[in-house]
Amino acid sequence: MKLYHATDLDKLSDILDEGLKPSSGVIYFAESYQKALAFLILRPIENIIVFEVELPEDQLTESFDHSESMFCRIFKLDDCRAWTYDKSIPTKQIDFSKARVYNREGDK
């Protein structure tokens, strides 16, 4: 399943070296670039990077730790589902070629 992970751009160097590692037991994903960005945009992060990862659907768990209706209303989305994955993801499994960076002034 193709999913998107958003994080602070300052973490990119560590991700390139070590891949993605679960924080608090899981890694969070969304179904699109826009939805992944929506989950992080409410945090005080200046630069956010979003990248694509292909994961086995049978190893994902839908997350209900957010208010889907609130995110849908704020960002005018039809749905805003989140997914979790509880294993580390090696760098080679992350598609950085389609990565997008967002800053508070707009897309770079």
PDB file of N, CA and C in Angstrom:
ATOM      1  N   MET A   1       0.852  -1.174   0.000  1.00  0.00           N
ATOM      2  CA  MET A   1       0.000   0.000   0.000  1.00  0.00           C
ATOM      3  C   MET A   1       0.895   1.234   0.000  1.00  0.00           C
ATOM      4  N   LYS A   2       0.617   2.167  -0.892  1.00  0.00           N
ATOM      5  CA  LYS A   2       1.399   3.387  -0.990  1.00  0.00           C
ATOM      6  C   LYS A   2       0.855   4.391   0.029  1.00  0.00           C
ATOM      7  N   LEU A   3       1.745   4.831   0.951  1.00  0.00           N
ATOM      8  CA  LEU A   3       1.363   5.788   1.981  1.00  0.00           C
ATOM      9  C   LEU A   3       2.400   6.889   2.074  1.00  0.00           C
ATOM     10  N   TYR A   4       2.074   7.928   2.834  1.00  0.00           N
ATOM     11  CA  TYR A   4       2.929   9.110   2.930  1.00  0.00           C
ATOM     12  C   TYR A   4       3.225   9.423   4.391  1.00  0.00           C
ATOM     13  N   HIS A   5       4.487   9.748   4.640  1.00  0.00           N
ATOM     14  CA  HIS A   5       4.937  10.092   5.986  1.00  0.00           C
ATOM     15  C   HIS A   5       5.446  11.518   5.974  1.00  0.00           C
ATOM     16  N   ALA A   6       5.029  12.313   6.946  1.00  0.00           N
ATOM     17  CA  ALA A   6       5.485  13.697   7.081  1.00  0.00           C
ATOM     18  C   ALA A   6       6.301  13.816   8.360  1.00  0.00           C
ATOM     19  N   THR A   7       7.366  14.582   8.281  1.00  0.00           N
ATOM     20  CA  THR A   7       8.215  14.782   9.452  1.00  0.00           C
ATOM     21  C   THR A   7       8.960  16.106   9.335  1.00  0.00           C
ATOM     22  N   ASP A   8       9.594  16.493  10.400  1.00  0.00           N
ATOM     23  CA  ASP A   8      10.408  17.699  10.422  1.00  0.00           C
ATOM     24  C   ASP A   8      11.594  17.504   9.474  1.00  0.00           C
ATOM     25  N   LEU A   9      11.839  18.466   8.604  1.00  0.00           N
ATOM     26  CA  LEU A   9      12.946  18.372   7.649  1.00  0.00           C
ATOM     27  C   LEU A   9      14.283  18.179   8.366  1.00  0.00           C
ATOM     28  N   ASP A  10      14.404  18.688   9.584  1.00  0.00           N
ATOM     29  CA  ASP A  10      15.637  18.524  10.351  1.00  0.00           C
ATOM     30  C   ASP A  10      15.967  17.055  10.638  1.00  0.00           C
ATOM     31  N   LYS A  11      14.993  16.166  10.513  1.00  0.00           N
ATOM     32  CA  LYS A  11      15.219  14.737  10.765  1.00  0.00           C
ATOM     33  C   LYS A  11      15.684  13.986   9.524  1.00  0.00           C
ATOM     34  N   LEU A  12      15.725  14.666   8.387  1.00  0.00           N
ATOM     35  CA  LEU A  12      16.054  13.998   7.128  1.00  0.00           C
ATOM     36  C   LEU A  12      17.425  13.325   7.152  1.00  0.00           C
ATOM     37  N   SER A  13      18.422  13.970   7.695  1.00  0.00           N
ATOM     38  CA  SER A  13      19.762  13.380   7.740  1.00  0.00           C
ATOM     39  C   SER A  13      19.758  12.046   8.486  1.00  0.00           C
ATOM     40  N   ASP A  14      19.093  12.001   9.638  1.00  0.00           N
ATOM     41  CA  ASP A  14      19.000  10.748  10.403  1.00  0.00           C
ATOM     42  C   ASP A  14      18.239   9.676   9.627  1.00  0.00           C
ATOM     43  N   ILE A  15      17.178  10.080   8.928  1.00  0.00           N
ATOM     44  CA  ILE A  15      16.393   9.117   8.147  1.00  0.00           C
ATOM     45  C   ILE A  15      17.227   8.565   6.996  1.00  0.00           C
ATOM     46  N   LEU A  16      18.010   9.416   6.360  1.00  0.00           N
ATOM     47  CA  LEU A  16      18.884   8.944   5.277  1.00  0.00           C
ATOM     48  C   LEU A  16      19.922   7.955   5.806  1.00  0.00           C
ATOM     49  N   ASP A  17      20.407   8.172   7.025  1.00  0.00           N
ATOM     50  CA  ASP A  17      21.403   7.283   7.627  1.00  0.00           C
ATOM     51  C   ASP A  17      20.804   6.007   8.207  1.00  0.00           C
ATOM     52  N   GLU A  18      19.636   6.126   8.855  1.00  0.00           N
ATOM     53  CA  GLU A  18      19.094   5.023   9.660  1.00  0.00           C
ATOM     54  C   GLU A  18      17.719   4.532   9.233  1.00  0.00           C
ATOM     55  N   GLY A  19      17.078   5.194   8.295  1.00  0.00           N
ATOM     56  CA  GLY A  19      15.717   4.838   7.919  1.00  0.00           C
ATOM     57  C   GLY A  19      14.728   5.421   8.917  1.00  0.00           C
ATOM     58  N   LEU A  20      13.482   4.975   8.816  1.00  0.00           N
ATOM     59  CA  LEU A  20      12.445   5.418   9.745  1.00  0.00           C
ATOM     60  C   LEU A  20      12.358   4.433  10.897  1.00  0.00           C
ATOM     61  N   LYS A  21      12.268   4.968  12.096  1.00  0.00           N
ATOM     62  CA  LYS A  21      12.157   4.126  13.287  1.00  0.00           C
ATOM     63  C   LYS A  21      10.897   4.505  14.037  1.00  0.00           C
ATOM     64  N   PRO A  22      10.199   3.511  14.593  1.00  0.00           N
ATOM     65  CA  PRO A  22       8.984   3.819  15.354  1.00  0.00           C
ATOM     66  C   PRO A  22       9.285   4.742  16.539  1.00  0.00           C
ATOM     67  N   SER A  23       8.431   5.727  16.708  1.00  0.00           N
ATOM     68  CA  SER A  23       8.484   6.613  17.859  1.00  0.00           C
ATOM     69  C   SER A  23       7.219   6.316  18.658  1.00  0.00           C
ATOM     70  N   SER A  24       7.357   6.070  19.929  1.00  0.00           N
ATOM     71  CA  SER A  24       6.219   5.645  20.759  1.00  0.00           C
ATOM     72  C   SER A  24       5.614   4.355  20.215  1.00  0.00           C
ATOM     73  N   GLY A  25       6.450   3.529  19.613  1.00  0.00           N
ATOM     74  CA  GLY A  25       6.009   2.209  19.160  1.00  0.00           C
ATOM     75  C   GLY A  25       5.539   2.093  17.730  1.00  0.00           C
ATOM     76  N   VAL A  26       5.279   3.228  17.048  1.00  0.00           N
ATOM     77  CA  VAL A  26       4.752   3.160  15.683  1.00  0.00           C
ATOM     78  C   VAL A  26       5.264   4.331  14.835  1.00  0.00           C
ATOM     79  N   ILE A  27       5.090   4.179  13.524  1.00  0.00           N
ATOM     80  CA  ILE A  27       5.332   5.249  12.558  1.00  0.00           C
ATOM     81  C   ILE A  27       3.976   5.571  11.944  1.00  0.00           C
ATOM     82  N   TYR A  28       3.663   6.846  11.823  1.00  0.00           N
ATOM     83  CA  TYR A  28       2.358   7.262  11.302  1.00  0.00           C
ATOM     84  C   TYR A  28       2.424   7.575   9.809  1.00  0.00           C
ATOM     85  N   PHE A  29       1.337   7.233   9.111  1.00  0.00           N
ATOM     86  CA  PHE A  29       1.218   7.462   7.679  1.00  0.00           C
ATOM     87  C   PHE A  29      -0.183   7.950   7.327  1.00  0.00           C
ATOM     88  N   ALA A  30      -0.285   8.598   6.168  1.00  0.00           N
ATOM     89  CA  ALA A  30      -1.565   9.026   5.624  1.00  0.00           C
ATOM     90  C   ALA A  30      -1.648   8.547   4.180  1.00  0.00           C
ATOM     91  N   GLU A  31      -2.829   8.696   3.584  1.00  0.00           N
ATOM     92  CA  GLU A  31      -3.065   8.160   2.244  1.00  0.00           C
ATOM     93  C   GLU A  31      -2.679   9.098   1.106  1.00  0.00           C
ATOM     94  N   SER A  32      -2.240  10.319   1.422  1.00  0.00           N
ATOM     95  CA  SER A  32      -1.815  11.245   0.380  1.00  0.00           C
ATOM     96  C   SER A  32      -0.831  12.250   0.973  1.00  0.00           C
ATOM     97  N   TYR A  33      -0.129  12.935   0.086  1.00  0.00           N
ATOM     98  CA  TYR A  33       0.786  13.992   0.501  1.00  0.00           C
ATOM     99  C   TYR A  33       0.037  15.026   1.345  1.00  0.00           C
ATOM    100  N   GLN A  34      -1.103  15.496   0.825  1.00  0.00           N
ATOM    101  CA  GLN A  34      -1.881  16.544   1.493  1.00  0.00           C
ATOM    102  C   GLN A  34      -2.337  16.103   2.881  1.00  0.00           C
ATOM    103  N   LYS A  35      -2.754  14.869   3.012  1.00  0.00           N
ATOM    104  CA  LYS A  35      -3.248  14.386   4.311  1.00  0.00           C
ATOM    105  C   LYS A  35      -2.108  14.211   5.306  1.00  0.00           C
ATOM    106  N   ALA A  36      -0.960  13.735   4.850  1.00  0.00           N
ATOM    107  CA  ALA A  36       0.202  13.619   5.742  1.00  0.00           C
ATOM    108  C   ALA A  36       0.615  15.004   6.231  1.00  0.00           C
ATOM    109  N   LEU A  37       0.625  15.961   5.340  1.00  0.00           N
ATOM    110  CA  LEU A  37       0.967  17.327   5.698  1.00  0.00           C
ATOM    111  C   LEU A  37      -0.043  17.895   6.697  1.00  0.00           C
ATOM    112  N   ALA A  38      -1.312  17.606   6.500  1.00  0.00           N
ATOM    113  CA  ALA A  38      -2.357  18.110   7.407  1.00  0.00           C
ATOM    114  C   ALA A  38      -2.095  17.679   8.851  1.00  0.00           C
ATOM    115  N   PHE A  39      -1.638  16.456   9.042  1.00  0.00           N
ATOM    116  CA  PHE A  39      -1.399  15.972  10.401  1.00  0.00           C
ATOM    117  C   PHE A  39      -0.270  16.738  11.095  1.00  0.00           C
ATOM    118  N   LEU A  40       0.701  17.231  10.329  1.00  0.00           N
ATOM    119  CA  LEU A  40       1.839  17.924  10.944  1.00  0.00           C
ATOM    120  C   LEU A  40       1.715  19.443  10.924  1.00  0.00           C
ATOM    121  N   ILE A  41       0.859  19.964  10.085  1.00  0.00           N
ATOM    122  CA  ILE A  41       0.791  21.408   9.905  1.00  0.00           C
ATOM    123  C   ILE A  41       0.343  22.125  11.176  1.00  0.00           C
ATOM    124  N   LEU A  42      -0.340  21.448  12.058  1.00  0.00           N
ATOM    125  CA  LEU A  42      -0.797  22.077  13.300  1.00  0.00           C
ATOM    126  C   LEU A  42       0.309  22.151  14.353  1.00  0.00           C
ATOM    127  N   ARG A  43       1.420  21.515  14.088  1.00  0.00           N
ATOM    128  CA  ARG A  43       2.557  21.558  15.016  1.00  0.00           C
ATOM    129  C   ARG A  43       3.474  22.728  14.642  1.00  0.00           C
ATOM    130  N   PRO A  44       4.228  23.232  15.606  1.00  0.00           N
ATOM    131  CA  PRO A  44       5.111  24.372  15.317  1.00  0.00           C
ATOM    132  C   PRO A  44       6.421  23.951  14.643  1.00  0.00           C
ATOM    133  N   ILE A  45       6.300  23.369  13.461  1.00  0.00           N
ATOM    134  CA  ILE A  45       7.473  22.937  12.693  1.00  0.00           C
ATOM    135  C   ILE A  45       7.602  23.877  11.502  1.00  0.00           C
ATOM    136  N   GLU A  46       8.788  24.438  11.314  1.00  0.00           N
ATOM    137  CA  GLU A  46       8.985  25.401  10.238  1.00  0.00           C
ATOM    138  C   GLU A  46       9.040  24.745   8.860  1.00  0.00           C
ATOM    139  N   ASN A  47       9.780  23.626   8.736  1.00  0.00           N
ATOM    140  CA  ASN A  47       9.938  22.934   7.457  1.00  0.00           C
ATOM    141  C   ASN A  47       9.546  21.471   7.610  1.00  0.00           C
ATOM    142  N   ILE A  48       8.626  21.034   6.783  1.00  0.00           N
ATOM    143  CA  ILE A  48       8.116  19.666   6.831  1.00  0.00           C
ATOM    144  C   ILE A  48       8.452  18.988   5.511  1.00  0.00           C
ATOM    145  N   ILE A  49       8.923  17.738   5.592  1.00  0.00           N
ATOM    146  CA  ILE A  49       9.144  16.941   4.388  1.00  0.00           C
ATOM    147  C   ILE A  49       8.150  15.790   4.405  1.00  0.00           C
ATOM    148  N   VAL A  50       7.604  15.492   3.239  1.00  0.00           N
ATOM    149  CA  VAL A  50       6.658  14.382   3.085  1.00  0.00           C
ATOM    150  C   VAL A  50       7.214  13.463   2.012  1.00  0.00           C
ATOM    151  N   PHE A  51       7.266  12.173   2.318  1.00  0.00           N
ATOM    152  CA  PHE A  51       7.747  11.223   1.320  1.00  0.00           C
ATOM    153  C   PHE A  51       6.886   9.974   1.302  1.00  0.00           C
ATOM    154  N   GLU A  52       7.038   9.242   0.215  1.00  0.00           N
ATOM    155  CA  GLU A  52       6.206   8.076  -0.079  1.00  0.00           C
ATOM    156  C   GLU A  52       6.911   6.789   0.346  1.00  0.00           C
ATOM    157  N   VAL A  53       6.113   5.869   0.878  1.00  0.00           N
ATOM    158  CA  VAL A  53       6.635   4.566   1.283  1.00  0.00           C
ATOM    159  C   VAL A  53       5.613   3.499   0.878  1.00  0.00           C
ATOM    160  N   GLU A  54       6.089   2.426   0.314  1.00  0.00           N
ATOM    161  CA  GLU A  54       5.240   1.279  -0.031  1.00  0.00           C
ATOM    162  C   GLU A  54       5.338   0.284   1.122  1.00  0.00           C
ATOM    163  N   LEU A  55       4.180  -0.065   1.716  1.00  0.00           N
ATOM    164  CA  LEU A  55       4.155  -0.977   2.861  1.00  0.00           C
ATOM    165  C   LEU A  55       3.131  -2.075   2.643  1.00  0.00           C
ATOM    166  N   PRO A  56       3.368  -3.247   3.240  1.00  0.00           N
ATOM    167  CA  PRO A  56       2.394  -4.338   3.110  1.00  0.00           C
ATOM    168  C   PRO A  56       1.114  -4.006   3.882  1.00  0.00           C
ATOM    169  N   GLU A  57       0.002  -4.002   3.188  1.00  0.00           N
ATOM    170  CA  GLU A  57      -1.280  -3.613   3.783  1.00  0.00           C
ATOM    171  C   GLU A  57      -1.642  -4.456   5.011  1.00  0.00           C
ATOM    172  N   ASP A  58      -1.287  -5.731   4.980  1.00  0.00           N
ATOM    173  CA  ASP A  58      -1.648  -6.607   6.097  1.00  0.00           C
ATOM    174  C   ASP A  58      -0.814  -6.349   7.364  1.00  0.00           C
ATOM    175  N   GLN A  59       0.178  -5.455   7.283  1.00  0.00           N
ATOM    176  CA  GLN A  59       0.996  -5.120   8.449  1.00  0.00           C
ATOM    177  C   GLN A  59       0.714  -3.708   8.966  1.00  0.00           C
ATOM    178  N   LEU A  60      -0.306  -3.073   8.411  1.00  0.00           N
ATOM    179  CA  LEU A  60      -0.703  -1.726   8.834  1.00  0.00           C
ATOM    180  C   LEU A  60      -1.913  -1.800   9.751  1.00  0.00           C
ATOM    181  N   THR A  61      -2.017  -0.825  10.630  1.00  0.00           N
ATOM    182  CA  THR A  61      -3.170  -0.716  11.518  1.00  0.00           C
ATOM    183  C   THR A  61      -3.742   0.683  11.364  1.00  0.00           C
ATOM    184  N   GLU A  62      -5.051   0.768  11.197  1.00  0.00           N
ATOM    185  CA  GLU A  62      -5.656   2.095  11.129  1.00  0.00           C
ATOM    186  C   GLU A  62      -5.593   2.738  12.504  1.00  0.00           C
ATOM    187  N   SER A  63      -5.218   4.007  12.522  1.00  0.00           N
ATOM    188  CA  SER A  63      -5.081   4.750  13.772  1.00  0.00           C
ATOM    189  C   SER A  63      -6.314   5.616  13.998  1.00  0.00           C
ATOM    190  N   PHE A  64      -6.775   5.607  15.238  1.00  0.00           N
ATOM    191  CA  PHE A  64      -7.934   6.422  15.592  1.00  0.00           C
ATOM    192  C   PHE A  64      -7.572   7.413  16.696  1.00  0.00           C
ATOM    193  N   ASP A  65      -6.311   7.838  16.735  1.00  0.00           N
ATOM    194  CA  ASP A  65      -5.861   8.735  17.797  1.00  0.00           C
ATOM    195  C   ASP A  65      -6.005  10.211  17.420  1.00  0.00           C
ATOM    196  N   HIS A  66      -6.777  10.497  16.386  1.00  0.00           N
ATOM    197  CA  HIS A  66      -7.006  11.866  15.955  1.00  0.00           C
ATOM    198  C   HIS A  66      -8.484  12.047  15.642  1.00  0.00           C
ATOM    199  N   SER A  67      -8.911  13.266  15.557  1.00  0.00           N
ATOM    200  CA  SER A  67     -10.296  13.562  15.197  1.00  0.00           C
ATOM    201  C   SER A  67     -10.377  13.708  13.682  1.00  0.00           C
ATOM    202  N   GLU A  68     -10.826  12.653  13.035  1.00  0.00           N
ATOM    203  CA  GLU A  68     -10.917  12.684  11.580  1.00  0.00           C
ATOM    204  C   GLU A  68     -11.847  13.803  11.118  1.00  0.00           C
ATOM    205  N   SER A  69     -12.965  13.989  11.798  1.00  0.00           N
ATOM    206  CA  SER A  69     -13.905  15.028  11.377  1.00  0.00           C
ATOM    207  C   SER A  69     -13.289  16.424  11.492  1.00  0.00           C
ATOM    208  N   MET A  70     -12.481  16.655  12.528  1.00  0.00           N
ATOM    209  CA  MET A  70     -11.841  17.949  12.681  1.00  0.00           C
ATOM    210  C   MET A  70     -10.869  18.208  11.516  1.00  0.00           C
ATOM    211  N   PHE A  71     -10.025  17.229  11.201  1.00  0.00           N
ATOM    212  CA  PHE A  71      -9.076  17.404  10.101  1.00  0.00           C
ATOM    213  C   PHE A  71      -9.809  17.590   8.771  1.00  0.00           C
ATOM    214  N   CYS A  72     -10.894  16.865   8.585  1.00  0.00           N
ATOM    215  CA  CYS A  72     -11.669  17.016   7.350  1.00  0.00           C
ATOM    216  C   CYS A  72     -12.238  18.425   7.233  1.00  0.00           C
ATOM    217  N   ARG A  73     -12.762  18.955   8.336  1.00  0.00           N
ATOM    218  CA  ARG A  73     -13.330  20.308   8.308  1.00  0.00           C
ATOM    219  C   ARG A  73     -12.251  21.367   8.096  1.00  0.00           C
ATOM    220  N   ILE A  74     -11.158  21.278   8.823  1.00  0.00           N
ATOM    221  CA  ILE A  74     -10.098  22.294   8.730  1.00  0.00           C
ATOM    222  C   ILE A  74      -9.477  22.324   7.335  1.00  0.00           C
ATOM    223  N   PHE A  75      -9.167  21.138   6.812  1.00  0.00           N
ATOM    224  CA  PHE A  75      -8.423  21.067   5.552  1.00  0.00           C
ATOM    225  C   PHE A  75      -9.295  20.738   4.340  1.00  0.00           C
ATOM    226  N   LYS A  76     -10.618  20.715   4.544  1.00  0.00           N
ATOM    227  CA  LYS A  76     -11.571  20.464   3.461  1.00  0.00           C
ATOM    228  C   LYS A  76     -11.252  19.158   2.717  1.00  0.00           C
ATOM    229  N   LEU A  77     -11.122  18.091   3.506  1.00  0.00           N
ATOM    230  CA  LEU A  77     -10.825  16.763   2.965  1.00  0.00           C
ATOM    231  C   LEU A  77     -12.065  15.876   3.076  1.00  0.00           C
ATOM    232  N   ASP A  78     -12.205  14.930   2.159  1.00  0.00           N
ATOM    233  CA  ASP A  78     -13.318  13.981   2.219  1.00  0.00           C
ATOM    234  C   ASP A  78     -13.147  12.991   3.368  1.00  0.00           C
ATOM    235  N   ASP A  79     -11.918  12.592   3.595  1.00  0.00           N
ATOM    236  CA  ASP A  79     -11.601  11.720   4.722  1.00  0.00           C
ATOM    237  C   ASP A  79     -10.164  12.015   5.128  1.00  0.00           C
ATOM    238  N   CYS A  80      -9.810  11.584   6.309  1.00  0.00           N
ATOM    239  CA  CYS A  80      -8.455  11.844   6.786  1.00  0.00           C
ATOM    240  C   CYS A  80      -8.043  10.681   7.689  1.00  0.00           C
ATOM    241  N   ARG A  81      -7.906   9.532   7.057  1.00  0.00           N
ATOM    242  CA  ARG A  81      -7.520   8.331   7.798  1.00  0.00           C
ATOM    243  C   ARG A  81      -6.017   8.316   8.018  1.00  0.00           C
ATOM    244  N   ALA A  82      -5.629   7.733   9.129  1.00  0.00           N
ATOM    245  CA  ALA A  82      -4.212   7.583   9.457  1.00  0.00           C
ATOM    246  C   ALA A  82      -3.913   6.107   9.666  1.00  0.00           C
ATOM    247  N   TRP A  83      -2.672   5.739   9.398  1.00  0.00           N
ATOM    248  CA  TRP A  83      -2.236   4.357   9.521  1.00  0.00           C
ATOM    249  C   TRP A  83      -0.973   4.304  10.361  1.00  0.00           C
ATOM    250  N   THR A  84      -0.754   3.191  11.036  1.00  0.00           N
ATOM    251  CA  THR A  84       0.484   3.009  11.788  1.00  0.00           C
ATOM    252  C   THR A  84       1.175   1.736  11.324  1.00  0.00           C
ATOM    253  N   TYR A  85       2.486   1.754  11.503  1.00  0.00           N
ATOM    254  CA  TYR A  85       3.349   0.622  11.163  1.00  0.00           C
ATOM    255  C   TYR A  85       4.333   0.499  12.313  1.00  0.00           C
ATOM    256  N   ASP A  86       4.518  -0.704  12.829  1.00  0.00           N
ATOM    257  CA  ASP A  86       5.305  -0.859  14.063  1.00  0.00           C
ATOM    258  C   ASP A  86       6.717  -1.413  13.862  1.00  0.00           C
ATOM    259  N   LYS A  87       7.201  -1.376  12.636  1.00  0.00           N
ATOM    260  CA  LYS A  87       8.559  -1.872  12.366  1.00  0.00           C
ATOM    261  C   LYS A  87       9.417  -0.748  11.799  1.00  0.00           C
ATOM    262  N   SER A  88      10.722  -0.875  11.934  1.00  0.00           N
ATOM    263  CA  SER A  88      11.629   0.074  11.295  1.00  0.00           C
ATOM    264  C   SER A  88      11.557  -0.095   9.785  1.00  0.00           C
ATOM    265  N   ILE A  89      11.790   0.995   9.069  1.00  0.00           N
ATOM    266  CA  ILE A  89      11.746   0.979   7.607  1.00  0.00           C
ATOM    267  C   ILE A  89      13.112   1.433   7.099  1.00  0.00           C
ATOM    268  N   PRO A  90      13.825   0.552   6.401  1.00  0.00           N
ATOM    269  CA  PRO A  90      15.157   0.934   5.906  1.00  0.00           C
ATOM    270  C   PRO A  90      15.071   2.045   4.860  1.00  0.00           C
ATOM    271  N   THR A  91      16.129   2.830   4.781  1.00  0.00           N
ATOM    272  CA  THR A  91      16.191   3.957   3.855  1.00  0.00           C
ATOM    273  C   THR A  91      15.877   3.532   2.427  1.00  0.00           C
ATOM    274  N   LYS A  92      16.368   2.375   2.004  1.00  0.00           N
ATOM    275  CA  LYS A  92      16.162   1.932   0.616  1.00  0.00           C
ATOM    276  C   LYS A  92      14.691   1.679   0.283  1.00  0.00           C
ATOM    277  N   GLN A  93      13.837   1.566   1.293  1.00  0.00           N
ATOM    278  CA  GLN A  93      12.412   1.320   1.075  1.00  0.00           C
ATOM    279  C   GLN A  93      11.617   2.632   0.972  1.00  0.00           C
ATOM    280  N   ILE A  94      12.262   3.760   1.201  1.00  0.00           N
ATOM    281  CA  ILE A  94      11.603   5.065   1.165  1.00  0.00           C
ATOM    282  C   ILE A  94      11.856   5.712  -0.195  1.00  0.00           C
ATOM    283  N   ASP A  95      10.785   6.194  -0.837  1.00  0.00           N
ATOM    284  CA  ASP A  95      10.922   6.842  -2.142  1.00  0.00           C
ATOM    285  C   ASP A  95      11.124   8.345  -1.938  1.00  0.00           C
ATOM    286  N   PHE A  96      12.385   8.756  -1.923  1.00  0.00           N
ATOM    287  CA  PHE A  96      12.709  10.169  -1.744  1.00  0.00           C
ATOM    288  C   PHE A  96      12.571  10.953  -3.044  1.00  0.00           C
ATOM    289  N   SER A  97      12.445  10.251  -4.172  1.00  0.00           N
ATOM    290  CA  SER A  97      12.391  10.944  -5.466  1.00  0.00           C
ATOM    291  C   SER A  97      11.149  11.815  -5.612  1.00  0.00           C
ATOM    292  N   LYS A  98      10.111  11.504  -4.866  1.00  0.00           N
ATOM    293  CA  LYS A  98       8.871  12.279  -4.940  1.00  0.00           C
ATOM    294  C   LYS A  98       8.650  13.110  -3.683  1.00  0.00           C
ATOM    295  N   ALA A  99       9.674  13.225  -2.865  1.00  0.00           N
ATOM    296  CA  ALA A  99       9.546  13.972  -1.614  1.00  0.00           C
ATOM    297  C   ALA A  99       9.232  15.434  -1.901  1.00  0.00           C
ATOM    298  N   ARG A 100       8.430  16.021  -1.028  1.00  0.00           N
ATOM    299  CA  ARG A 100       8.084  17.427  -1.139  1.00  0.00           C
ATOM    300  C   ARG A 100       8.348  18.096   0.198  1.00  0.00           C
ATOM    301  N   VAL A 101       8.843  19.309   0.127  1.00  0.00           N
ATOM    302  CA  VAL A 101       9.128  20.078   1.336  1.00  0.00           C
ATOM    303  C   VAL A 101       8.145  21.235   1.409  1.00  0.00           C
ATOM    304  N   TYR A 102       7.594  21.427   2.589  1.00  0.00           N
ATOM    305  CA  TYR A 102       6.673  22.521   2.827  1.00  0.00           C
ATOM    306  C   TYR A 102       7.261  23.382   3.932  1.00  0.00           C
ATOM    307  N   ASN A 103       7.212  24.701   3.754  1.00  0.00           N
ATOM    308  CA  ASN A 103       7.574  25.584   4.857  1.00  0.00           C
ATOM    309  C   ASN A 103       6.410  26.531   5.099  1.00  0.00           C
ATOM    310  N   ARG A 104       6.468  27.265   6.167  1.00  0.00           N
ATOM    311  CA  ARG A 104       5.359  28.132   6.552  1.00  0.00           C
ATOM    312  C   ARG A 104       5.051  29.194   5.500  1.00  0.00           C
ATOM    313  N   GLU A 105       5.969  29.407   4.567  1.00  0.00           N
ATOM    314  CA  GLU A 105       5.745  30.398   3.495  1.00  0.00           C
ATOM    315  C   GLU A 105       5.197  29.740   2.230  1.00  0.00           C
ATOM    316  N   GLY A 106       5.080  28.405   2.211  1.00  0.00           N
ATOM    317  CA  GLY A 106       4.542  27.683   1.053  1.00  0.00           C
ATOM    318  C   GLY A 106       5.501  26.612   0.591  1.00  0.00           C
ATOM    319  N   ASP A 107       5.123  25.871  -0.457  1.00  0.00           N
ATOM    320  CA  ASP A 107       5.956  24.787  -0.985  1.00  0.00           C
ATOM    321  C   ASP A 107       7.274  25.335  -1.497  1.00  0.00           C
ATOM    322  N   LYS A 108       8.352  24.535  -1.335  1.00  0.00           N
ATOM    323  CA  LYS A 108       9.662  24.880  -1.896  1.00  0.00           C
ATOM    324  C   LYS A 108       9.836  24.170  -3.218  1.00  0.00           C
TER     325      LYS A 108
END
